[in-house]
Amino acid sequence: MPGNKLSDLLNSQKNRELADVLGRAESIGALTATLSAALTAELSGCIVAASVKSEGILIVVARSPACAARLRFEERILLEAARKAGESVNALKVRVSHPA
């Protein structure tokens, strides 16, 4: 990439890889918001991020171990919300976020 201009590298219309990353980030953000909205106000803040693996597994990243335990009890609600958002999911895995 020695001959590329920085402005070209940061332009998602000229840089397909950047466009793909931005699209994926938007998708993760939208799914995370959808799942959070499907939960009670108390639990909605527990979700850090969410995505779907190619095998149809909904991955939810929880803010803490306590949140993760509570979110696992909401599997039916989370899977239904993901399906309503157009995702083809059949299982849920909840992970705990590592502190920054």
Protein backbone atom coordinates (compact mmCIF):
# COMPACT_ATOMS: atom_id res chain seq x y z
CA MET A 1 0.00 0.00 0.00
CA PRO A 2 2.94 2.43 -0.28
CA GLY A 3 1.32 4.49 -3.05
CA ASN A 4 -2.11 4.91 -1.44
CA LYS A 5 -3.29 8.24 -0.11
CA LEU A 6 -4.60 8.27 3.44
CA SER A 7 -7.80 9.91 2.24
CA ASP A 8 -8.38 6.97 -0.13
CA LEU A 9 -7.75 4.45 2.63
CA LEU A 10 -10.27 6.15 4.93
CA ASN A 11 -12.91 6.57 2.23
CA SER A 12 -15.34 3.67 2.54
CA GLN A 13 -16.48 4.18 -1.07
CA LYS A 14 -12.95 3.56 -2.35
CA ASN A 15 -11.83 1.03 0.26
CA ARG A 16 -13.97 -2.13 0.20
CA GLU A 17 -12.36 -3.57 3.33
CA LEU A 18 -13.20 -0.45 5.32
CA ALA A 19 -16.75 -0.51 3.99
CA ASP A 20 -17.10 -4.13 5.13
CA VAL A 21 -15.83 -3.29 8.63
CA LEU A 22 -18.18 -0.32 8.89
CA GLY A 23 -21.11 -2.40 7.70
CA ARG A 24 -20.36 -5.11 10.25
CA ALA A 25 -20.08 -2.53 13.04
CA GLU A 26 -23.44 -1.03 12.07
CA SER A 27 -25.00 -4.51 12.02
CA ILE A 28 -23.65 -5.31 15.49
CA GLY A 29 -24.89 -1.97 16.82
CA ALA A 30 -28.37 -2.44 15.37
CA LEU A 31 -28.72 -5.98 16.72
CA THR A 32 -27.45 -4.91 20.13
CA ALA A 33 -30.03 -2.09 20.25
CA THR A 34 -32.83 -4.43 19.15
CA LEU A 35 -32.03 -7.02 21.81
CA SER A 36 -31.66 -4.38 24.53
CA ALA A 37 -35.05 -2.91 23.59
CA ALA A 38 -36.68 -6.34 23.98
CA LEU A 39 -35.59 -6.59 27.62
CA THR A 40 -36.75 -4.83 30.75
CA ALA A 41 -35.07 -1.51 31.55
CA GLU A 42 -33.16 -3.25 34.34
CA LEU A 43 -31.65 -5.82 31.98
CA SER A 44 -31.24 -3.72 28.83
CA GLY A 45 -28.05 -2.17 30.18
CA CYS A 46 -26.51 -5.61 30.62
CA ILE A 47 -25.81 -6.11 26.91
CA VAL A 48 -22.51 -4.74 25.63
CA ALA A 49 -22.74 -6.18 22.11
CA ALA A 50 -24.42 -8.90 20.08
CA SER A 51 -23.74 -10.72 16.84
CA VAL A 52 -24.69 -13.90 15.00
CA LYS A 53 -22.26 -16.64 14.04
CA SER A 54 -22.71 -18.39 10.72
CA GLU A 55 -24.04 -21.50 12.51
CA GLY A 56 -27.06 -19.52 13.72
CA ILE A 57 -25.70 -18.92 17.20
CA LEU A 58 -26.65 -15.61 18.78
CA ILE A 59 -23.67 -14.31 20.73
CA VAL A 60 -24.47 -11.79 23.45
CA VAL A 61 -21.68 -10.07 25.36
CA ALA A 62 -22.72 -9.20 28.91
CA ARG A 63 -21.37 -6.40 31.09
CA SER A 64 -20.68 -8.68 34.08
CA PRO A 65 -20.97 -12.29 35.23
CA ALA A 66 -24.17 -11.40 37.11
CA CYS A 67 -25.66 -9.88 33.95
CA ALA A 68 -24.62 -12.94 31.94
CA ALA A 69 -26.46 -15.23 34.34
CA ARG A 70 -29.60 -13.12 34.16
CA LEU A 71 -29.47 -12.85 30.35
CA ARG A 72 -29.26 -16.63 30.01
CA PHE A 73 -32.71 -16.80 31.63
CA GLU A 74 -34.00 -14.49 28.86
CA GLU A 75 -32.97 -16.84 26.02
CA ARG A 76 -36.46 -17.11 24.52
CA ILE A 77 -36.95 -13.33 24.45
CA LEU A 78 -33.50 -12.70 22.97
CA LEU A 79 -33.88 -15.35 20.25
CA GLU A 80 -37.35 -14.06 19.33
CA ALA A 81 -36.09 -10.47 19.11
CA ALA A 82 -33.18 -11.54 16.89
CA ARG A 83 -35.54 -13.48 14.61
CA LYS A 84 -37.89 -10.49 14.34
CA ALA A 85 -34.84 -8.45 13.29
CA GLY A 86 -34.32 -10.88 10.40
CA GLU A 87 -31.59 -13.03 11.92
CA SER A 88 -31.68 -16.80 11.53
CA VAL A 89 -30.77 -17.98 15.02
CA ASN A 90 -31.33 -21.23 16.87
CA ALA A 91 -29.15 -20.97 19.99
CA LEU A 92 -27.81 -18.43 22.45
CA LYS A 93 -24.35 -18.09 23.93
CA VAL A 94 -23.70 -15.41 26.52
CA ARG A 95 -20.14 -14.24 27.09
CA VAL A 96 -18.79 -11.85 29.71
CA SER A 97 -17.01 -8.71 28.60
CA HIS A 98 -13.46 -8.25 29.81
CA PRO A 99 -12.99 -4.99 31.70
CA ALA A 100 -11.05 -2.33 29.82
